């Protein structure tokens, strides 16, 4: 049975999935700091208290939206070649976190034991164990990869310059890094100014270093 919203119009029955997906949309549009139970209720056209029929509290809401974001990330399977699987996993996670710029800090600051996160971690461990890593090595391996994923993403979403602004910024700051005092920074900045180097951080570069190191650990090389 349809219920009546705060503006008097009928609306479909509310459920947890709709609450969480609406919260994600608000966070995407306005940032996580702007997400409140009152604003969420207004967006859904309900009284704030009715939200508590679907989420226990604000922490439950945050845990729920974090887990939904994780559910968007591609999980590896044990029948994949492990390096290709881990590369696809990392690339997918990075792309998902760029779609939801607020989510990196949220996921990294909570003890997420939601179903999507549990499946995601278990699949990752399963892929690494099947490849021959010990449980201890697999645990450290996926943590090392996630440190790169989350750390790189945080820097990318918070960096104050766009890629097409790098050369102009290097030109602007070059007088503050004279060659006789900061020779290596000056030389690198000159490369950016001259167009010989973009200066843009490369997600895949760091990921490849980690995966190659893990391969050497696995093979004893």
C-alpha atoms as a PDB file:
ATOM      1  CA  UNK A   1       0.000   0.000   0.000  1.00  0.00           C
ATOM      2  CA  UNK A   2       1.367   3.414  -0.962  1.00  0.00           C
ATOM      3  CA  UNK A   3       1.998   5.858   1.838  1.00  0.00           C
ATOM      4  CA  UNK A   4       1.732   9.621   1.920  1.00  0.00           C
ATOM      5  CA  UNK A   5       4.849  11.791   1.849  1.00  0.00           C
ATOM      6  CA  UNK A   6       5.417  14.976   3.798  1.00  0.00           C
ATOM      7  CA  UNK A   7       4.064  17.030   0.882  1.00  0.00           C
ATOM      8  CA  UNK A   8       0.817  15.046   0.725  1.00  0.00           C
ATOM      9  CA  UNK A   9       1.557  12.996  -2.394  1.00  0.00           C
ATOM     10  CA  UNK A  10       1.565   9.207  -2.431  1.00  0.00           C
ATOM     11  CA  UNK A  11       4.838   7.343  -2.638  1.00  0.00           C
ATOM     12  CA  UNK A  12       5.955   3.692  -2.826  1.00  0.00           C
ATOM     13  CA  UNK A  13       6.727   1.980   0.487  1.00  0.00           C
ATOM     14  CA  UNK A  14      10.177   2.789   1.835  1.00  0.00           C
ATOM     15  CA  UNK A  15      12.783   0.073   2.255  1.00  0.00           C
ATOM     16  CA  UNK A  16      16.417  -0.147   3.344  1.00  0.00           C
ATOM     17  CA  UNK A  17      17.759  -0.418  -0.197  1.00  0.00           C
ATOM     18  CA  UNK A  18      16.038   2.791  -1.280  1.00  0.00           C
ATOM     19  CA  UNK A  19      17.261   4.612   1.834  1.00  0.00           C
ATOM     20  CA  UNK A  20      20.856   3.550   1.238  1.00  0.00           C
ATOM     21  CA  UNK A  21      20.880   4.282  -2.484  1.00  0.00           C
ATOM     22  CA  UNK A  22      19.392   7.717  -1.868  1.00  0.00           C
ATOM     23  CA  UNK A  23      22.058   8.382   0.764  1.00  0.00           C
ATOM     24  CA  UNK A  24      24.756   7.465  -1.753  1.00  0.00           C
ATOM     25  CA  UNK A  25      23.265   9.825  -4.307  1.00  0.00           C
ATOM     26  CA  UNK A  26      23.223  12.662  -1.771  1.00  0.00           C
ATOM     27  CA  UNK A  27      26.829  11.979  -0.797  1.00  0.00           C
ATOM     28  CA  UNK A  28      27.862  11.924  -4.464  1.00  0.00           C
ATOM     29  CA  UNK A  29      26.122  15.245  -5.105  1.00  0.00           C
ATOM     30  CA  UNK A  30      26.909  17.150  -1.911  1.00  0.00           C
ATOM     31  CA  UNK A  31      29.659  15.278  -0.069  1.00  0.00           C
ATOM     32  CA  UNK A  32      29.516  13.007   2.939  1.00  0.00           C
ATOM     33  CA  UNK A  33      29.630  15.877   5.427  1.00  0.00           C
ATOM     34  CA  UNK A  34      26.326  17.143   4.043  1.00  0.00           C
ATOM     35  CA  UNK A  35      24.592  13.806   4.562  1.00  0.00           C
ATOM     36  CA  UNK A  36      22.290  13.931   7.569  1.00  0.00           C
ATOM     37  CA  UNK A  37      19.264  11.916   8.600  1.00  0.00           C
ATOM     38  CA  UNK A  38      17.106  15.044   8.278  1.00  0.00           C
ATOM     39  CA  UNK A  39      18.292  15.848   4.755  1.00  0.00           C
ATOM     40  CA  UNK A  40      17.945  12.222   3.725  1.00  0.00           C
ATOM     41  CA  UNK A  41      14.374  12.150   5.025  1.00  0.00           C
ATOM     42  CA  UNK A  42      13.540  15.369   3.182  1.00  0.00           C
ATOM     43  CA  UNK A  43      14.913  13.932  -0.050  1.00  0.00           C
ATOM     44  CA  UNK A  44      12.826  10.795   0.389  1.00  0.00           C
ATOM     45  CA  UNK A  45       9.768  12.851   1.322  1.00  0.00           C
ATOM     46  CA  UNK A  46       9.293  11.222   4.728  1.00  0.00           C
ATOM     47  CA  UNK A  47       9.573  12.127   8.379  1.00  0.00           C
ATOM     48  CA  UNK A  48      13.057  11.601   9.782  1.00  0.00           C
ATOM     49  CA  UNK A  49      11.834   9.115  12.377  1.00  0.00           C
ATOM     50  CA  UNK A  50      10.545   6.785   9.660  1.00  0.00           C
ATOM     51  CA  UNK A  51      14.127   6.204   8.526  1.00  0.00           C
ATOM     52  CA  UNK A  52      14.804   4.315  11.739  1.00  0.00           C
ATOM     53  CA  UNK A  53      12.529   1.538  10.548  1.00  0.00           C
ATOM     54  CA  UNK A  54      15.208   0.778   7.953  1.00  0.00           C
ATOM     55  CA  UNK A  55      18.519   1.908   9.480  1.00  0.00           C
ATOM     56  CA  UNK A  56      19.279   1.656  13.178  1.00  0.00           C
ATOM     57  CA  UNK A  57      21.179   4.951  13.370  1.00  0.00           C
ATOM     58  CA  UNK A  58      23.659   7.134  11.478  1.00  0.00           C
ATOM     59  CA  UNK A  59      26.442   4.579  11.945  1.00  0.00           C
ATOM     60  CA  UNK A  60      24.285   1.861  10.439  1.00  0.00           C
ATOM     61  CA  UNK A  61      23.546   4.176   7.516  1.00  0.00           C
ATOM     62  CA  UNK A  62      27.250   4.827   6.938  1.00  0.00           C
ATOM     63  CA  UNK A  63      28.108   1.142   7.207  1.00  0.00           C
ATOM     64  CA  UNK A  64      25.343   0.372   4.738  1.00  0.00           C
ATOM     65  CA  UNK A  65      26.440   2.846   2.079  1.00  0.00           C
ATOM     66  CA  UNK A  66      30.086   1.815   2.481  1.00  0.00           C
ATOM     67  CA  UNK A  67      29.135  -1.788   1.850  1.00  0.00           C
ATOM     68  CA  UNK A  68      27.086  -0.853  -1.226  1.00  0.00           C
ATOM     69  CA  UNK A  69      30.098   0.942  -2.688  1.00  0.00           C
ATOM     70  CA  UNK A  70      32.243  -2.139  -2.074  1.00  0.00           C
ATOM     71  CA  UNK A  71      29.587  -4.187  -3.868  1.00  0.00           C
ATOM     72  CA  UNK A  72      30.335  -2.173  -7.032  1.00  0.00           C
ATOM     73  CA  UNK A  73      33.966  -3.349  -7.020  1.00  0.00           C
ATOM     74  CA  UNK A  74      34.904  -6.378  -9.116  1.00  0.00           C
ATOM     75  CA  UNK A  75      35.976  -9.290  -6.927  1.00  0.00           C
ATOM     76  CA  UNK A  76      38.512 -11.839  -8.210  1.00  0.00           C
ATOM     77  CA  UNK A  77      37.765 -15.529  -8.657  1.00  0.00           C
ATOM     78  CA  UNK A  78      39.977 -18.533  -7.992  1.00  0.00           C
ATOM     79  CA  UNK A  79      39.946 -19.592 -11.655  1.00  0.00           C
ATOM     80  CA  UNK A  80      41.697 -16.383 -12.775  1.00  0.00           C
ATOM     81  CA  UNK A  81      45.457 -15.965 -13.113  1.00  0.00           C
ATOM     82  CA  UNK A  82      46.247 -14.184  -9.862  1.00  0.00           C
ATOM     83  CA  UNK A  83      48.188 -11.175 -11.203  1.00  0.00           C
ATOM     84  CA  UNK A  84      45.569 -10.424 -13.833  1.00  0.00           C
ATOM     85  CA  UNK A  85      42.835 -10.884 -11.228  1.00  0.00           C
ATOM     86  CA  UNK A  86      44.522  -8.541  -8.735  1.00  0.00           C
ATOM     87  CA  UNK A  87      45.142  -5.933 -11.423  1.00  0.00           C
ATOM     88  CA  UNK A  88      41.490  -6.045 -12.485  1.00  0.00           C
ATOM     89  CA  UNK A  89      40.430  -5.887  -8.839  1.00  0.00           C
ATOM     90  CA  UNK A  90      42.574  -2.823  -8.151  1.00  0.00           C
ATOM     91  CA  UNK A  91      41.536  -1.034 -11.331  1.00  0.00           C
ATOM     92  CA  UNK A  92      37.867  -1.638 -10.602  1.00  0.00           C
ATOM     93  CA  UNK A  93      38.194  -0.425  -7.007  1.00  0.00           C
ATOM     94  CA  UNK A  94      40.004   2.723  -8.127  1.00  0.00           C
ATOM     95  CA  UNK A  95      37.314   3.508 -10.703  1.00  0.00           C
ATOM     96  CA  UNK A  96      34.510   2.923  -8.185  1.00  0.00           C
ATOM     97  CA  UNK A  97      36.153   5.169  -5.598  1.00  0.00           C
ATOM     98  CA  UNK A  98      36.576   7.939  -8.163  1.00  0.00           C
ATOM     99  CA  UNK A  99      32.829   7.723  -8.865  1.00  0.00           C
ATOM    100  CA  UNK A 100      32.200   8.134  -5.133  1.00  0.00           C
ATOM    101  CA  UNK A 101      35.003  10.484  -3.953  1.00  0.00           C
ATOM    102  CA  UNK A 102      33.719  10.492  -0.358  1.00  0.00           C
ATOM    103  CA  UNK A 103      33.861   6.711  -0.031  1.00  0.00           C
ATOM    104  CA  UNK A 104      37.624   6.195   0.264  1.00  0.00           C
ATOM    105  CA  UNK A 105      37.871   7.880   3.642  1.00  0.00           C
ATOM    106  CA  UNK A 106      34.665   6.275   4.880  1.00  0.00           C
ATOM    107  CA  UNK A 107      35.630   2.721   3.971  1.00  0.00           C
ATOM    108  CA  UNK A 108      39.127   3.151   5.348  1.00  0.00           C
ATOM    109  CA  UNK A 109      37.886   4.442   8.705  1.00  0.00           C
ATOM    110  CA  UNK A 110      35.244   1.832   9.560  1.00  0.00           C
ATOM    111  CA  UNK A 111      35.249  -1.823  10.600  1.00  0.00           C
ATOM    112  CA  UNK A 112      33.159  -2.970   7.680  1.00  0.00           C
ATOM    113  CA  UNK A 113      31.740  -6.465   8.152  1.00  0.00           C
ATOM    114  CA  UNK A 114      28.892  -6.070   5.662  1.00  0.00           C
ATOM    115  CA  UNK A 115      28.102  -8.901   3.272  1.00  0.00           C
ATOM    116  CA  UNK A 116      29.687  -7.251   0.243  1.00  0.00           C
ATOM    117  CA  UNK A 117      32.942  -6.544   2.069  1.00  0.00           C
ATOM    118  CA  UNK A 118      33.097 -10.063   3.479  1.00  0.00           C
ATOM    119  CA  UNK A 119      32.574 -11.578   0.014  1.00  0.00           C
ATOM    120  CA  UNK A 120      35.143  -9.190  -1.448  1.00  0.00           C
ATOM    121  CA  UNK A 121      37.846 -10.048   1.077  1.00  0.00           C
ATOM    122  CA  UNK A 122      37.119 -13.770   0.994  1.00  0.00           C
ATOM    123  CA  UNK A 123      37.318 -13.809  -2.812  1.00  0.00           C
ATOM    124  CA  UNK A 124      40.610 -11.908  -2.682  1.00  0.00           C
ATOM    125  CA  UNK A 125      42.107 -14.286  -0.124  1.00  0.00           C
ATOM    126  CA  UNK A 126      40.834 -17.265  -2.097  1.00  0.00           C
ATOM    127  CA  UNK A 127      42.489 -16.072  -5.293  1.00  0.00           C
ATOM    128  CA  UNK A 128      45.804 -15.460  -3.541  1.00  0.00           C
ATOM    129  CA  UNK A 129      45.726 -18.740  -1.595  1.00  0.00           C
ATOM    130  CA  UNK A 130      44.937 -20.689  -4.771  1.00  0.00           C
ATOM    131  CA  UNK A 131      47.942 -19.020  -6.404  1.00  0.00           C
ATOM    132  CA  UNK A 132      50.187 -20.408  -3.652  1.00  0.00           C
ATOM    133  CA  UNK A 133      50.511 -17.585  -1.130  1.00  0.00           C
ATOM    134  CA  UNK A 134      50.283 -18.541   2.532  1.00  0.00           C
ATOM    135  CA  UNK A 135      47.462 -17.030   4.556  1.00  0.00           C
ATOM    136  CA  UNK A 136      49.950 -14.648   6.170  1.00  0.00           C
ATOM    137  CA  UNK A 137      51.345 -13.599   2.793  1.00  0.00           C
ATOM    138  CA  UNK A 138      47.882 -13.259   1.262  1.00  0.00           C
ATOM    139  CA  UNK A 139      46.749 -11.047   4.131  1.00  0.00           C
ATOM    140  CA  UNK A 140      49.725  -8.755   3.741  1.00  0.00           C
ATOM    141  CA  UNK A 141      49.454  -8.803  -0.039  1.00  0.00           C
ATOM    142  CA  UNK A 142      45.871  -7.557  -0.245  1.00  0.00           C
ATOM    143  CA  UNK A 143      46.552  -4.981   2.448  1.00  0.00           C
ATOM    144  CA  UNK A 144      49.547  -3.690   0.476  1.00  0.00           C
ATOM    145  CA  UNK A 145      47.424  -3.441  -2.661  1.00  0.00           C
ATOM    146  CA  UNK A 146      44.595  -1.709  -0.821  1.00  0.00           C
ATOM    147  CA  UNK A 147      47.009   0.781   0.734  1.00  0.00           C
ATOM    148  CA  UNK A 148      48.034   1.739  -2.794  1.00  0.00           C
ATOM    149  CA  UNK A 149      44.435   1.872  -4.046  1.00  0.00           C
ATOM    150  CA  UNK A 150      43.064   3.979  -1.191  1.00  0.00           C
ATOM    151  CA  UNK A 151      46.128   6.167  -0.755  1.00  0.00           C
ATOM    152  CA  UNK A 152      46.458   6.934  -4.457  1.00  0.00           C
ATOM    153  CA  UNK A 153      42.734   7.667  -4.736  1.00  0.00           C
ATOM    154  CA  UNK A 154      42.773  10.026  -1.752  1.00  0.00           C
ATOM    155  CA  UNK A 155      45.629  11.992  -3.288  1.00  0.00           C
ATOM    156  CA  UNK A 156      43.942  12.056  -6.685  1.00  0.00           C
ATOM    157  CA  UNK A 157      40.579  13.346  -5.471  1.00  0.00           C
ATOM    158  CA  UNK A 158      42.134  15.937  -3.154  1.00  0.00           C
ATOM    159  CA  UNK A 159      44.982  17.231  -5.311  1.00  0.00           C
ATOM    160  CA  UNK A 160      44.429  20.955  -5.974  1.00  0.00           C
ATOM    161  CA  UNK A 161      45.455  20.930  -9.645  1.00  0.00           C
ATOM    162  CA  UNK A 162      43.935  19.414 -12.754  1.00  0.00           C
ATOM    163  CA  UNK A 163      46.352  17.610 -15.118  1.00  0.00           C
ATOM    164  CA  UNK A 164      46.107  20.371 -17.717  1.00  0.00           C
ATOM    165  CA  UNK A 165      47.257  22.892 -15.079  1.00  0.00           C
ATOM    166  CA  UNK A 166      50.550  21.183 -14.216  1.00  0.00           C
ATOM    167  CA  UNK A 167      52.758  22.968 -16.733  1.00  0.00           C
ATOM    168  CA  UNK A 168      51.392  26.391 -15.795  1.00  0.00           C
ATOM    169  CA  UNK A 169      51.850  25.620 -12.097  1.00  0.00           C
ATOM    170  CA  UNK A 170      55.424  24.457 -12.697  1.00  0.00           C
ATOM    171  CA  UNK A 171      56.139  27.691 -14.541  1.00  0.00           C
ATOM    172  CA  UNK A 172      54.628  29.736 -11.731  1.00  0.00           C
ATOM    173  CA  UNK A 173      56.610  28.031  -8.974  1.00  0.00           C
ATOM    174  CA  UNK A 174      59.908  27.599 -10.836  1.00  0.00           C
ATOM    175  CA  UNK A 175      61.382  30.851  -9.418  1.00  0.00           C
ATOM    176  CA  UNK A 176      60.839  29.448  -5.902  1.00  0.00           C
ATOM    177  CA  UNK A 177      62.904  26.337  -6.651  1.00  0.00           C
ATOM    178  CA  UNK A 178      66.189  27.729  -8.050  1.00  0.00           C
ATOM    179  CA  UNK A 179      68.522  25.179  -9.634  1.00  0.00           C
ATOM    180  CA  UNK A 180      71.428  26.044  -7.345  1.00  0.00           C
ATOM    181  CA  UNK A 181      69.360  25.202  -4.252  1.00  0.00           C
ATOM    182  CA  UNK A 182      66.949  22.525  -5.463  1.00  0.00           C
ATOM    183  CA  UNK A 183      68.637  21.086  -8.567  1.00  0.00           C
ATOM    184  CA  UNK A 184      66.535  17.930  -8.935  1.00  0.00           C
ATOM    185  CA  UNK A 185      63.158  19.550  -8.333  1.00  0.00           C
ATOM    186  CA  UNK A 186      64.116  22.339 -10.726  1.00  0.00           C
ATOM    187  CA  UNK A 187      65.115  19.841 -13.423  1.00  0.00           C
ATOM    188  CA  UNK A 188      61.905  17.852 -13.036  1.00  0.00           C
ATOM    189  CA  UNK A 189      59.787  21.007 -13.151  1.00  0.00           C
ATOM    190  CA  UNK A 190      61.560  22.057 -16.325  1.00  0.00           C
ATOM    191  CA  UNK A 191      60.636  18.749 -17.938  1.00  0.00           C
ATOM    192  CA  UNK A 192      56.986  19.383 -17.107  1.00  0.00           C
ATOM    193  CA  UNK A 193      57.167  22.927 -18.466  1.00  0.00           C
ATOM    194  CA  UNK A 194      58.789  21.723 -21.684  1.00  0.00           C
ATOM    195  CA  UNK A 195      56.198  18.966 -22.138  1.00  0.00           C
ATOM    196  CA  UNK A 196      58.754  16.152 -21.819  1.00  0.00           C
ATOM    197  CA  UNK A 197      57.007  14.803 -18.707  1.00  0.00           C
ATOM    198  CA  UNK A 198      53.349  15.146 -17.740  1.00  0.00           C
ATOM    199  CA  UNK A 199      53.959  15.053 -13.993  1.00  0.00           C
ATOM    200  CA  UNK A 200      50.725  13.102 -13.653  1.00  0.00           C
ATOM    201  CA  UNK A 201      50.817  10.299 -11.094  1.00  0.00           C
ATOM    202  CA  UNK A 202      50.323   6.857 -12.627  1.00  0.00           C
ATOM    203  CA  UNK A 203      48.110   4.420 -10.705  1.00  0.00           C
ATOM    204  CA  UNK A 204      49.244   1.454 -12.788  1.00  0.00           C
ATOM    205  CA  UNK A 205      52.941   2.200 -12.196  1.00  0.00           C
ATOM    206  CA  UNK A 206      52.703   1.658  -8.452  1.00  0.00           C
ATOM    207  CA  UNK A 207      50.357  -1.292  -8.841  1.00  0.00           C
ATOM    208  CA  UNK A 208      52.805  -3.027 -11.190  1.00  0.00           C
ATOM    209  CA  UNK A 209      55.635  -2.583  -8.699  1.00  0.00           C
ATOM    210  CA  UNK A 210      53.533  -4.217  -5.978  1.00  0.00           C
ATOM    211  CA  UNK A 211      52.394  -7.098  -8.170  1.00  0.00           C
ATOM    212  CA  UNK A 212      55.911  -7.764  -9.457  1.00  0.00           C
ATOM    213  CA  UNK A 213      57.197  -7.777  -5.887  1.00  0.00           C
ATOM    214  CA  UNK A 214      54.501 -10.229  -4.838  1.00  0.00           C
ATOM    215  CA  UNK A 215      55.379 -12.454  -7.784  1.00  0.00           C
ATOM    216  CA  UNK A 216      59.005 -12.572  -6.645  1.00  0.00           C
ATOM    217  CA  UNK A 217      57.819 -13.450  -3.142  1.00  0.00           C
ATOM    218  CA  UNK A 218      55.709 -16.279  -4.525  1.00  0.00           C
ATOM    219  CA  UNK A 219      58.401 -17.721  -6.788  1.00  0.00           C
ATOM    220  CA  UNK A 220      61.288 -17.105  -4.408  1.00  0.00           C
ATOM    221  CA  UNK A 221      63.030 -14.977  -7.033  1.00  0.00           C
END
